[in-house]
């Protein structure tokens, strides 16, 4: 068997796929070990965004309120998106908001998103068609192969959106898990006499090892509080990026505390209690749904093994008795 036949053999491809999935699983389990480097990288990105806000604020003051900040984004993706006018062709008014919820900021992620949203349908259709027509057709008729290729076009078009949605969901879960603890630390800092900006800066540094995403959001909130025209916009931006009821209520409470001059410590104490109750109710909901979710795995994996262990020796003895007769 030649090298090409060995590589294109379906069994070998399945084995390679299993190896890739196993490697990805090990990498996912080991990813917390590299969290420190990721935290430092995110903090550098937030610092860069803070510098952009500072530059924007200075230009706004110099031009009497008119901002003209230019973001540079050069590269292959940028050239393709501009040449094909993909921003106009695939215009999505919520793309910047969705990317920010997933942790991607700046012009480069937007360009990358539009590039892959345009190219992924062709990549998926090409891969599926090449596999079905030249590697393994599974005995399918030609019309079915063409239909599979057309279906992969649709799947490829929505793959970038699915990736962004999944990344945003994981990021929101990581933020929400550490949010009550961050509120407790913020309450302690505020009641000790710190301003809200210094307190959030301190809490962001302390909460970083637990939740990198939450530390990033807090540092970004501090930057926006310093350079945005209204502080209300910074709190609303946090609530919009995370999109969680508990964080929205805290943002609303902070806006009202600054507007009406109410003590911020009392509002934070109440919000911390409510967010802990929300986290506890979510945990109870998951625990209540666990028995129903374990039913199918019990039937498929545990019961056959249990029956084999219990009935196996009896079956062997019966076969021995029948063999002696």
C-alpha atoms as a PDB file:
ATOM      1  CA  UNK A   1       0.000   0.000   0.000  1.00  0.00           C
ATOM      2  CA  UNK A   2       1.390   3.384  -1.044  1.00  0.00           C
ATOM      3  CA  UNK A   3       1.785   6.344   1.228  1.00  0.00           C
ATOM      4  CA  UNK A   4      -1.127   8.192  -0.398  1.00  0.00           C
ATOM      5  CA  UNK A   5      -3.479   5.238   0.074  1.00  0.00           C
ATOM      6  CA  UNK A   6      -2.357   4.910   3.678  1.00  0.00           C
ATOM      7  CA  UNK A   7      -3.009   8.581   4.390  1.00  0.00           C
ATOM      8  CA  UNK A   8      -6.381   8.609   2.618  1.00  0.00           C
ATOM      9  CA  UNK A   9      -7.584   5.377   4.173  1.00  0.00           C
ATOM     10  CA  UNK A  10     -10.796   6.097   6.178  1.00  0.00           C
ATOM     11  CA  UNK A  11      -9.619   4.010   9.145  1.00  0.00           C
ATOM     12  CA  UNK A  12      -6.356   5.924   9.355  1.00  0.00           C
ATOM     13  CA  UNK A  13      -8.187   9.243   9.056  1.00  0.00           C
ATOM     14  CA  UNK A  14     -10.556   8.208  11.839  1.00  0.00           C
ATOM     15  CA  UNK A  15      -7.573   7.247  14.009  1.00  0.00           C
ATOM     16  CA  UNK A  16      -5.950  10.631  13.340  1.00  0.00           C
ATOM     17  CA  UNK A  17      -9.203  12.386  14.199  1.00  0.00           C
ATOM     18  CA  UNK A  18      -9.435  10.492  17.507  1.00  0.00           C
ATOM     19  CA  UNK A  19      -5.844  11.461  18.266  1.00  0.00           C
ATOM     20  CA  UNK A  20      -6.551  15.124  17.548  1.00  0.00           C
ATOM     21  CA  UNK A  21      -9.645  15.070  19.790  1.00  0.00           C
ATOM     22  CA  UNK A  22      -7.631  13.385  22.576  1.00  0.00           C
ATOM     23  CA  UNK A  23      -4.874  15.984  22.269  1.00  0.00           C
ATOM     24  CA  UNK A  24      -7.451  18.787  22.375  1.00  0.00           C
ATOM     25  CA  UNK A  25      -8.997  17.283  25.516  1.00  0.00           C
ATOM     26  CA  UNK A  26      -5.610  17.078  27.254  1.00  0.00           C
ATOM     27  CA  UNK A  27      -4.821  20.637  26.186  1.00  0.00           C
ATOM     28  CA  UNK A  28      -8.166  21.845  27.567  1.00  0.00           C
ATOM     29  CA  UNK A  29      -7.562  20.134  30.917  1.00  0.00           C
ATOM     30  CA  UNK A  30      -4.047  21.575  31.114  1.00  0.00           C
ATOM     31  CA  UNK A  31      -5.054  25.105  30.063  1.00  0.00           C
ATOM     32  CA  UNK A  32      -5.497  26.375  33.680  1.00  0.00           C
ATOM     33  CA  UNK A  33      -1.762  25.849  34.155  1.00  0.00           C
ATOM     34  CA  UNK A  34      -1.121  28.540  31.564  1.00  0.00           C
ATOM     35  CA  UNK A  35      -3.672  30.978  32.992  1.00  0.00           C
ATOM     36  CA  UNK A  36      -1.045  33.347  34.364  1.00  0.00           C
ATOM     37  CA  UNK A  37       0.395  34.057  30.930  1.00  0.00           C
ATOM     38  CA  UNK A  38      -3.084  34.553  29.532  1.00  0.00           C
ATOM     39  CA  UNK A  39      -3.870  37.017  32.323  1.00  0.00           C
ATOM     40  CA  UNK A  40      -0.779  39.076  31.538  1.00  0.00           C
ATOM     41  CA  UNK A  41      -1.687  39.073  27.842  1.00  0.00           C
ATOM     42  CA  UNK A  42      -5.243  40.238  28.561  1.00  0.00           C
ATOM     43  CA  UNK A  43      -3.988  42.963  30.856  1.00  0.00           C
ATOM     44  CA  UNK A  44      -1.695  44.232  28.100  1.00  0.00           C
ATOM     45  CA  UNK A  45      -4.651  44.342  25.712  1.00  0.00           C
ATOM     46  CA  UNK A  46      -6.724  46.272  28.243  1.00  0.00           C
ATOM     47  CA  UNK A  47      -3.834  48.679  28.803  1.00  0.00           C
ATOM     48  CA  UNK A  48      -3.642  49.240  25.071  1.00  0.00           C
ATOM     49  CA  UNK A  49      -7.382  49.926  24.965  1.00  0.00           C
ATOM     50  CA  UNK A  50      -6.989  52.369  27.858  1.00  0.00           C
ATOM     51  CA  UNK A  51      -4.266  54.189  25.928  1.00  0.00           C
ATOM     52  CA  UNK A  52      -6.609  54.415  22.943  1.00  0.00           C
ATOM     53  CA  UNK A  53      -9.296  55.934  25.168  1.00  0.00           C
ATOM     54  CA  UNK A  54      -6.785  58.437  26.577  1.00  0.00           C
ATOM     55  CA  UNK A  55      -5.695  59.386  23.061  1.00  0.00           C
ATOM     56  CA  UNK A  56      -9.316  59.702  21.979  1.00  0.00           C
ATOM     57  CA  UNK A  57     -10.105  61.933  24.963  1.00  0.00           C
ATOM     58  CA  UNK A  58      -7.158  64.216  24.226  1.00  0.00           C
ATOM     59  CA  UNK A  59      -8.101  64.572  20.571  1.00  0.00           C
ATOM     60  CA  UNK A  60     -11.698  65.281  21.570  1.00  0.00           C
ATOM     61  CA  UNK A  61     -10.541  68.116  23.812  1.00  0.00           C
ATOM     62  CA  UNK A  62      -8.212  69.458  21.139  1.00  0.00           C
ATOM     63  CA  UNK A  63     -10.946  69.482  18.509  1.00  0.00           C
ATOM     64  CA  UNK A  64     -13.695  70.799  20.804  1.00  0.00           C
ATOM     65  CA  UNK A  65     -15.614  67.596  21.198  1.00  0.00           C
ATOM     66  CA  UNK A  66     -15.035  66.076  17.758  1.00  0.00           C
ATOM     67  CA  UNK A  67     -13.110  62.830  17.976  1.00  0.00           C
ATOM     68  CA  UNK A  68     -11.123  61.557  15.006  1.00  0.00           C
ATOM     69  CA  UNK A  69      -9.264  58.558  16.323  1.00  0.00           C
ATOM     70  CA  UNK A  70      -7.976  56.309  13.523  1.00  0.00           C
ATOM     71  CA  UNK A  71      -7.349  52.620  14.140  1.00  0.00           C
ATOM     72  CA  UNK A  72      -4.817  50.927  11.903  1.00  0.00           C
ATOM     73  CA  UNK A  73      -5.360  47.357  10.787  1.00  0.00           C
ATOM     74  CA  UNK A  74      -3.072  46.053   8.083  1.00  0.00           C
ATOM     75  CA  UNK A  75      -2.635  42.529   6.775  1.00  0.00           C
ATOM     76  CA  UNK A  76      -3.949  39.906   4.382  1.00  0.00           C
ATOM     77  CA  UNK A  77      -7.393  39.719   6.000  1.00  0.00           C
ATOM     78  CA  UNK A  78      -7.749  43.501   5.827  1.00  0.00           C
ATOM     79  CA  UNK A  79      -6.842  43.533   2.140  1.00  0.00           C
ATOM     80  CA  UNK A  80      -9.359  40.822   1.254  1.00  0.00           C
ATOM     81  CA  UNK A  81     -12.170  42.432   3.282  1.00  0.00           C
ATOM     82  CA  UNK A  82     -11.566  45.844   1.718  1.00  0.00           C
ATOM     83  CA  UNK A  83     -11.142  44.502  -1.816  1.00  0.00           C
ATOM     84  CA  UNK A  84     -14.390  42.516  -1.714  1.00  0.00           C
ATOM     85  CA  UNK A  85     -16.218  45.122   0.398  1.00  0.00           C
ATOM     86  CA  UNK A  86     -17.263  42.446   2.858  1.00  0.00           C
ATOM     87  CA  UNK A  87     -18.199  44.951   5.551  1.00  0.00           C
ATOM     88  CA  UNK A  88     -20.996  46.198   3.326  1.00  0.00           C
ATOM     89  CA  UNK A  89     -21.855  42.778   1.883  1.00  0.00           C
ATOM     90  CA  UNK A  90     -21.994  40.960   5.243  1.00  0.00           C
ATOM     91  CA  UNK A  91     -22.986  43.939   7.375  1.00  0.00           C
ATOM     92  CA  UNK A  92     -23.967  42.996  10.915  1.00  0.00           C
ATOM     93  CA  UNK A  93     -24.884  45.882  13.245  1.00  0.00           C
ATOM     94  CA  UNK A  94     -24.154  43.806  16.351  1.00  0.00           C
ATOM     95  CA  UNK A  95     -20.813  42.340  15.298  1.00  0.00           C
ATOM     96  CA  UNK A  96     -18.719  44.718  17.446  1.00  0.00           C
ATOM     97  CA  UNK A  97     -20.949  44.133  20.464  1.00  0.00           C
ATOM     98  CA  UNK A  98     -20.844  40.345  20.021  1.00  0.00           C
ATOM     99  CA  UNK A  99     -17.078  40.326  19.612  1.00  0.00           C
ATOM    100  CA  UNK A 100     -16.676  42.480  22.726  1.00  0.00           C
ATOM    101  CA  UNK A 101     -18.845  40.018  24.669  1.00  0.00           C
ATOM    102  CA  UNK A 102     -16.488  37.244  23.557  1.00  0.00           C
ATOM    103  CA  UNK A 103     -13.425  39.260  24.611  1.00  0.00           C
ATOM    104  CA  UNK A 104     -12.287  40.452  21.168  1.00  0.00           C
ATOM    105  CA  UNK A 105     -11.811  44.221  20.825  1.00  0.00           C
ATOM    106  CA  UNK A 106     -10.420  46.528  18.231  1.00  0.00           C
ATOM    107  CA  UNK A 107     -10.595  46.615  14.424  1.00  0.00           C
ATOM    108  CA  UNK A 108      -8.535  43.483  13.770  1.00  0.00           C
ATOM    109  CA  UNK A 109     -11.052  40.960  15.245  1.00  0.00           C
ATOM    110  CA  UNK A 110     -13.825  42.590  13.190  1.00  0.00           C
ATOM    111  CA  UNK A 111     -11.809  42.174  10.009  1.00  0.00           C
ATOM    112  CA  UNK A 112     -10.943  38.583  10.908  1.00  0.00           C
ATOM    113  CA  UNK A 113     -14.597  37.798  11.597  1.00  0.00           C
ATOM    114  CA  UNK A 114     -15.766  39.122   8.244  1.00  0.00           C
ATOM    115  CA  UNK A 115     -12.962  37.260   6.427  1.00  0.00           C
ATOM    116  CA  UNK A 116     -13.813  33.889   7.969  1.00  0.00           C
ATOM    117  CA  UNK A 117     -17.546  34.460   7.574  1.00  0.00           C
ATOM    118  CA  UNK A 118     -16.908  34.858   3.842  1.00  0.00           C
ATOM    119  CA  UNK A 119     -14.347  32.069   3.444  1.00  0.00           C
ATOM    120  CA  UNK A 120     -15.652  29.347   5.779  1.00  0.00           C
ATOM    121  CA  UNK A 121     -18.596  28.306   3.512  1.00  0.00           C
ATOM    122  CA  UNK A 122     -16.181  27.647   0.640  1.00  0.00           C
ATOM    123  CA  UNK A 123     -13.685  25.884   2.902  1.00  0.00           C
ATOM    124  CA  UNK A 124     -16.368  23.617   4.398  1.00  0.00           C
ATOM    125  CA  UNK A 125     -17.961  22.868   1.019  1.00  0.00           C
ATOM    126  CA  UNK A 126     -14.563  22.164  -0.554  1.00  0.00           C
ATOM    127  CA  UNK A 127     -13.527  19.801   2.228  1.00  0.00           C
ATOM    128  CA  UNK A 128     -16.823  17.867   2.236  1.00  0.00           C
ATOM    129  CA  UNK A 129     -16.936  17.632  -1.564  1.00  0.00           C
ATOM    130  CA  UNK A 130     -13.303  16.512  -1.816  1.00  0.00           C
ATOM    131  CA  UNK A 131     -13.827  13.847   0.837  1.00  0.00           C
ATOM    132  CA  UNK A 132     -17.042  12.476  -0.694  1.00  0.00           C
ATOM    133  CA  UNK A 133     -15.909  12.530  -4.318  1.00  0.00           C
ATOM    134  CA  UNK A 134     -12.243  11.495  -4.004  1.00  0.00           C
ATOM    135  CA  UNK A 135     -11.697   9.753  -0.652  1.00  0.00           C
ATOM    136  CA  UNK A 136     -14.809   7.927   0.603  1.00  0.00           C
ATOM    137  CA  UNK A 137     -18.242   8.233  -0.978  1.00  0.00           C
ATOM    138  CA  UNK A 138     -20.004   5.784   1.405  1.00  0.00           C
ATOM    139  CA  UNK A 139     -21.973   4.480  -1.568  1.00  0.00           C
ATOM    140  CA  UNK A 140     -23.952   7.719  -1.886  1.00  0.00           C
ATOM    141  CA  UNK A 141     -25.412   8.825  -5.235  1.00  0.00           C
ATOM    142  CA  UNK A 142     -24.026  11.904  -6.943  1.00  0.00           C
ATOM    143  CA  UNK A 143     -27.083  14.019  -6.131  1.00  0.00           C
ATOM    144  CA  UNK A 144     -26.687  13.274  -2.423  1.00  0.00           C
ATOM    145  CA  UNK A 145     -23.039  14.319  -2.571  1.00  0.00           C
ATOM    146  CA  UNK A 146     -23.980  17.625  -4.147  1.00  0.00           C
ATOM    147  CA  UNK A 147     -26.644  18.156  -1.490  1.00  0.00           C
ATOM    148  CA  UNK A 148     -24.055  17.457   1.216  1.00  0.00           C
ATOM    149  CA  UNK A 149     -21.760  20.050  -0.345  1.00  0.00           C
ATOM    150  CA  UNK A 150     -24.564  22.632  -0.437  1.00  0.00           C
ATOM    151  CA  UNK A 151     -25.473  21.853   3.169  1.00  0.00           C
ATOM    152  CA  UNK A 152     -21.867  22.388   4.227  1.00  0.00           C
ATOM    153  CA  UNK A 153     -22.033  25.857   2.615  1.00  0.00           C
ATOM    154  CA  UNK A 154     -24.788  26.823   5.034  1.00  0.00           C
ATOM    155  CA  UNK A 155     -22.999  25.267   8.009  1.00  0.00           C
ATOM    156  CA  UNK A 156     -19.768  27.055   7.120  1.00  0.00           C
ATOM    157  CA  UNK A 157     -21.561  30.402   6.912  1.00  0.00           C
ATOM    158  CA  UNK A 158     -22.833  30.094  10.486  1.00  0.00           C
ATOM    159  CA  UNK A 159     -19.668  28.567  11.992  1.00  0.00           C
ATOM    160  CA  UNK A 160     -18.024  31.942  12.853  1.00  0.00           C
ATOM    161  CA  UNK A 161     -21.216  33.103  14.597  1.00  0.00           C
ATOM    162  CA  UNK A 162     -21.415  29.839  16.528  1.00  0.00           C
ATOM    163  CA  UNK A 163     -17.783  30.207  17.589  1.00  0.00           C
ATOM    164  CA  UNK A 164     -18.331  33.790  18.813  1.00  0.00           C
ATOM    165  CA  UNK A 165     -21.538  32.807  20.639  1.00  0.00           C
ATOM    166  CA  UNK A 166     -19.813  29.867  22.339  1.00  0.00           C
ATOM    167  CA  UNK A 167     -16.827  32.014  23.345  1.00  0.00           C
ATOM    168  CA  UNK A 168     -19.142  34.707  24.736  1.00  0.00           C
ATOM    169  CA  UNK A 169     -21.124  32.130  26.734  1.00  0.00           C
ATOM    170  CA  UNK A 170     -17.993  30.613  28.273  1.00  0.00           C
ATOM    171  CA  UNK A 171     -16.641  34.046  29.093  1.00  0.00           C
ATOM    172  CA  UNK A 172     -19.918  35.126  30.705  1.00  0.00           C
ATOM    173  CA  UNK A 173     -20.020  31.966  32.824  1.00  0.00           C
ATOM    174  CA  UNK A 174     -16.467  32.595  34.021  1.00  0.00           C
ATOM    175  CA  UNK A 175     -17.342  36.181  34.943  1.00  0.00           C
ATOM    176  CA  UNK A 176     -20.584  35.289  36.706  1.00  0.00           C
ATOM    177  CA  UNK A 177     -18.911  32.539  38.751  1.00  0.00           C
ATOM    178  CA  UNK A 178     -16.467  35.012  40.318  1.00  0.00           C
ATOM    179  CA  UNK A 179     -18.753  38.067  40.376  1.00  0.00           C
ATOM    180  CA  UNK A 180     -20.140  37.677  43.964  1.00  0.00           C
ATOM    181  CA  UNK A 181     -16.621  37.320  45.374  1.00  0.00           C
ATOM    182  CA  UNK A 182     -15.536  40.397  43.432  1.00  0.00           C
ATOM    183  CA  UNK A 183     -18.473  42.361  44.871  1.00  0.00           C
ATOM    184  CA  UNK A 184     -17.461  41.362  48.408  1.00  0.00           C
ATOM    185  CA  UNK A 185     -13.902  42.542  47.773  1.00  0.00           C
ATOM    186  CA  UNK A 186     -15.212  45.732  46.176  1.00  0.00           C
ATOM    187  CA  UNK A 187     -17.437  46.370  49.214  1.00  0.00           C
ATOM    188  CA  UNK A 188     -14.467  45.970  51.559  1.00  0.00           C
ATOM    189  CA  UNK A 189     -12.344  48.355  49.488  1.00  0.00           C
ATOM    190  CA  UNK A 190     -15.093  50.988  49.233  1.00  0.00           C
ATOM    191  CA  UNK A 191     -15.894  50.883  52.955  1.00  0.00           C
ATOM    192  CA  UNK A 192     -12.190  51.220  53.749  1.00  0.00           C
ATOM    193  CA  UNK A 193     -12.198  54.627  52.053  1.00  0.00           C
ATOM    194  CA  UNK A 194     -11.029  53.861  48.507  1.00  0.00           C
ATOM    195  CA  UNK A 195     -12.634  55.534  45.522  1.00  0.00           C
ATOM    196  CA  UNK A 196     -14.573  53.308  43.153  1.00  0.00           C
ATOM    197  CA  UNK A 197     -11.845  53.482  40.476  1.00  0.00           C
ATOM    198  CA  UNK A 198      -9.042  52.509  42.871  1.00  0.00           C
ATOM    199  CA  UNK A 199     -11.232  49.804  44.403  1.00  0.00           C
ATOM    200  CA  UNK A 200     -12.011  48.255  41.004  1.00  0.00           C
ATOM    201  CA  UNK A 201      -8.337  48.423  40.039  1.00  0.00           C
ATOM    202  CA  UNK A 202      -7.410  46.590  43.243  1.00  0.00           C
ATOM    203  CA  UNK A 203     -10.181  43.995  42.892  1.00  0.00           C
ATOM    204  CA  UNK A 204      -9.214  43.377  39.257  1.00  0.00           C
ATOM    205  CA  UNK A 205      -5.660  42.555  40.337  1.00  0.00           C
ATOM    206  CA  UNK A 206      -6.832  40.289  43.161  1.00  0.00           C
ATOM    207  CA  UNK A 207      -9.513  38.425  41.175  1.00  0.00           C
ATOM    208  CA  UNK A 208      -7.226  37.784  38.178  1.00  0.00           C
ATOM    209  CA  UNK A 209      -6.050  34.278  39.191  1.00  0.00           C
ATOM    210  CA  UNK A 210      -9.678  33.224  39.722  1.00  0.00           C
ATOM    211  CA  UNK A 211     -11.263  34.784  36.633  1.00  0.00           C
ATOM    212  CA  UNK A 212      -9.135  36.394  33.944  1.00  0.00           C
ATOM    213  CA  UNK A 213     -12.214  37.615  32.082  1.00  0.00           C
ATOM    214  CA  UNK A 214     -13.627  39.422  35.124  1.00  0.00           C
ATOM    215  CA  UNK A 215     -10.268  41.047  35.873  1.00  0.00           C
ATOM    216  CA  UNK A 216     -10.144  42.253  32.277  1.00  0.00           C
ATOM    217  CA  UNK A 217     -13.649  43.708  32.475  1.00  0.00           C
ATOM    218  CA  UNK A 218     -12.925  45.527  35.761  1.00  0.00           C
ATOM    219  CA  UNK A 219      -9.714  47.082  34.435  1.00  0.00           C
ATOM    220  CA  UNK A 220     -11.529  48.096  31.267  1.00  0.00           C
ATOM    221  CA  UNK A 221     -14.332  49.622  33.367  1.00  0.00           C
ATOM    222  CA  UNK A 222     -11.766  51.689  35.264  1.00  0.00           C
ATOM    223  CA  UNK A 223     -10.346  52.958  31.984  1.00  0.00           C
ATOM    224  CA  UNK A 224     -13.780  53.858  30.633  1.00  0.00           C
ATOM    225  CA  UNK A 225     -14.748  55.618  33.868  1.00  0.00           C
ATOM    226  CA  UNK A 226     -11.702  57.834  33.450  1.00  0.00           C
ATOM    227  CA  UNK A 227     -12.004  58.717  29.774  1.00  0.00           C
ATOM    228  CA  UNK A 228     -15.603  58.388  28.608  1.00  0.00           C
ATOM    229  CA  UNK A 229     -17.704  61.580  28.585  1.00  0.00           C
ATOM    230  CA  UNK A 230     -20.213  60.175  31.111  1.00  0.00           C
ATOM    231  CA  UNK A 231     -19.597  57.590  33.799  1.00  0.00           C
ATOM    232  CA  UNK A 232     -23.026  56.132  33.110  1.00  0.00           C
ATOM    233  CA  UNK A 233     -21.773  54.986  29.691  1.00  0.00           C
ATOM    234  CA  UNK A 234     -19.019  52.915  31.345  1.00  0.00           C
ATOM    235  CA  UNK A 235     -21.457  51.039  33.594  1.00  0.00           C
ATOM    236  CA  UNK A 236     -23.883  50.491  30.736  1.00  0.00           C
ATOM    237  CA  UNK A 237     -21.028  49.191  28.592  1.00  0.00           C
ATOM    238  CA  UNK A 238     -20.126  46.620  31.267  1.00  0.00           C
ATOM    239  CA  UNK A 239     -23.735  45.440  31.504  1.00  0.00           C
ATOM    240  CA  UNK A 240     -24.035  45.204  27.727  1.00  0.00           C
ATOM    241  CA  UNK A 241     -20.784  43.266  27.265  1.00  0.00           C
ATOM    242  CA  UNK A 242     -21.518  40.677  29.945  1.00  0.00           C
ATOM    243  CA  UNK A 243     -25.305  40.540  29.396  1.00  0.00           C
ATOM    244  CA  UNK A 244     -26.223  38.949  32.725  1.00  0.00           C
ATOM    245  CA  UNK A 245     -29.101  40.009  35.021  1.00  0.00           C
ATOM    246  CA  UNK A 246     -26.939  40.154  38.143  1.00  0.00           C
ATOM    247  CA  UNK A 247     -24.319  42.394  36.549  1.00  0.00           C
ATOM    248  CA  UNK A 248     -27.000  44.570  34.941  1.00  0.00           C
ATOM    249  CA  UNK A 249     -28.578  45.150  38.357  1.00  0.00           C
ATOM    250  CA  UNK A 250     -25.214  46.112  39.853  1.00  0.00           C
ATOM    251  CA  UNK A 251     -24.533  48.530  36.994  1.00  0.00           C
ATOM    252  CA  UNK A 252     -27.975  50.102  37.471  1.00  0.00           C
ATOM    253  CA  UNK A 253     -27.394  50.421  41.224  1.00  0.00           C
ATOM    254  CA  UNK A 254     -24.045  52.145  40.664  1.00  0.00           C
ATOM    255  CA  UNK A 255     -25.581  54.557  38.160  1.00  0.00           C
ATOM    256  CA  UNK A 256     -28.361  55.449  40.606  1.00  0.00           C
ATOM    257  CA  UNK A 257     -25.904  55.778  43.509  1.00  0.00           C
ATOM    258  CA  UNK A 258     -23.835  58.305  41.560  1.00  0.00           C
ATOM    259  CA  UNK A 259     -26.874  60.145  40.248  1.00  0.00           C
ATOM    260  CA  UNK A 260     -28.719  60.527  43.554  1.00  0.00           C
ATOM    261  CA  UNK A 261     -25.763  60.479  45.934  1.00  0.00           C
ATOM    262  CA  UNK A 262     -26.830  57.384  47.874  1.00  0.00           C
ATOM    263  CA  UNK A 263     -24.123  55.449  49.783  1.00  0.00           C
ATOM    264  CA  UNK A 264     -22.385  53.049  47.429  1.00  0.00           C
ATOM    265  CA  UNK A 265     -21.501  50.610  50.222  1.00  0.00           C
ATOM    266  CA  UNK A 266     -25.154  49.860  51.000  1.00  0.00           C
ATOM    267  CA  UNK A 267     -25.922  49.245  47.327  1.00  0.00           C
ATOM    268  CA  UNK A 268     -22.918  46.931  46.956  1.00  0.00           C
ATOM    269  CA  UNK A 269     -23.893  44.983  50.078  1.00  0.00           C
ATOM    270  CA  UNK A 270     -27.406  44.361  48.760  1.00  0.00           C
ATOM    271  CA  UNK A 271     -26.147  43.494  45.271  1.00  0.00           C
ATOM    272  CA  UNK A 272     -23.561  41.062  46.639  1.00  0.00           C
ATOM    273  CA  UNK A 273     -26.270  39.238  48.596  1.00  0.00           C
ATOM    274  CA  UNK A 274     -28.567  39.072  45.568  1.00  0.00           C
ATOM    275  CA  UNK A 275     -25.808  37.776  43.287  1.00  0.00           C
ATOM    276  CA  UNK A 276     -24.873  35.071  45.786  1.00  0.00           C
ATOM    277  CA  UNK A 277     -28.512  33.996  45.884  1.00  0.00           C
ATOM    278  CA  UNK A 278     -28.587  33.930  42.081  1.00  0.00           C
ATOM    279  CA  UNK A 279     -25.469  31.754  41.993  1.00  0.00           C
ATOM    280  CA  UNK A 280     -26.919  29.429  44.627  1.00  0.00           C
ATOM    281  CA  UNK A 281     -30.223  29.101  42.759  1.00  0.00           C
ATOM    282  CA  UNK A 282     -28.362  28.326  39.538  1.00  0.00           C
ATOM    283  CA  UNK A 283     -26.374  25.607  41.316  1.00  0.00           C
ATOM    284  CA  UNK A 284     -29.565  24.141  42.791  1.00  0.00           C
ATOM    285  CA  UNK A 285     -31.174  24.150  39.351  1.00  0.00           C
ATOM    286  CA  UNK A 286     -28.242  22.218  37.885  1.00  0.00           C
ATOM    287  CA  UNK A 287     -28.305  19.752  40.774  1.00  0.00           C
ATOM    288  CA  UNK A 288     -32.045  19.160  40.310  1.00  0.00           C
ATOM    289  CA  UNK A 289     -31.555  18.452  36.595  1.00  0.00           C
ATOM    290  CA  UNK A 290     -28.658  16.044  37.195  1.00  0.00           C
ATOM    291  CA  UNK A 291     -30.713  12.827  37.824  1.00  0.00           C
ATOM    292  CA  UNK A 292     -32.603  13.233  34.572  1.00  0.00           C
ATOM    293  CA  UNK A 293     -29.379  13.865  32.666  1.00  0.00           C
ATOM    294  CA  UNK A 294     -27.718  10.778  34.169  1.00  0.00           C
ATOM    295  CA  UNK A 295     -30.508   8.416  33.107  1.00  0.00           C
ATOM    296  CA  UNK A 296     -29.248   7.794  29.572  1.00  0.00           C
ATOM    297  CA  UNK A 297     -25.552   7.378  30.553  1.00  0.00           C
ATOM    298  CA  UNK A 298     -26.610   4.941  33.292  1.00  0.00           C
ATOM    299  CA  UNK A 299     -28.572   2.829  30.814  1.00  0.00           C
ATOM    300  CA  UNK A 300     -25.872   2.879  28.138  1.00  0.00           C
ATOM    301  CA  UNK A 301     -22.689   2.528  30.198  1.00  0.00           C
ATOM    302  CA  UNK A 302     -23.295   1.443  33.801  1.00  0.00           C
ATOM    303  CA  UNK A 303     -26.080  -1.149  33.554  1.00  0.00           C
ATOM    304  CA  UNK A 304     -24.420  -3.353  30.869  1.00  0.00           C
ATOM    305  CA  UNK A 305     -21.218  -3.506  32.916  1.00  0.00           C
ATOM    306  CA  UNK A 306     -23.194  -4.228  36.086  1.00  0.00           C
ATOM    307  CA  UNK A 307     -25.137  -7.057  34.431  1.00  0.00           C
ATOM    308  CA  UNK A 308     -21.920  -8.488  33.015  1.00  0.00           C
ATOM    309  CA  UNK A 309     -20.240  -8.516  36.435  1.00  0.00           C
ATOM    310  CA  UNK A 310     -23.272 -10.063  38.161  1.00  0.00           C
ATOM    311  CA  UNK A 311     -24.344 -12.585  35.534  1.00  0.00           C
ATOM    312  CA  UNK A 312     -20.917 -13.382  34.073  1.00  0.00           C
ATOM    313  CA  UNK A 313     -19.810 -15.956  36.689  1.00  0.00           C
ATOM    314  CA  UNK A 314     -23.240 -17.640  36.654  1.00  0.00           C
ATOM    315  CA  UNK A 315     -23.151 -17.974  32.860  1.00  0.00           C
ATOM    316  CA  UNK A 316     -19.648 -19.422  32.978  1.00  0.00           C
ATOM    317  CA  UNK A 317     -20.704 -22.053  35.564  1.00  0.00           C
ATOM    318  CA  UNK A 318     -23.774 -22.977  33.523  1.00  0.00           C
ATOM    319  CA  UNK A 319     -21.597 -23.456  30.445  1.00  0.00           C
ATOM    320  CA  UNK A 320     -19.181 -25.633  32.427  1.00  0.00           C
ATOM    321  CA  UNK A 321     -22.033 -27.834  33.711  1.00  0.00           C
ATOM    322  CA  UNK A 322     -23.489 -28.221  30.234  1.00  0.00           C
ATOM    323  CA  UNK A 323     -20.018 -29.111  28.897  1.00  0.00           C
ATOM    324  CA  UNK A 324     -19.574 -31.906  31.469  1.00  0.00           C
ATOM    325  CA  UNK A 325     -22.891 -33.466  30.493  1.00  0.00           C
END
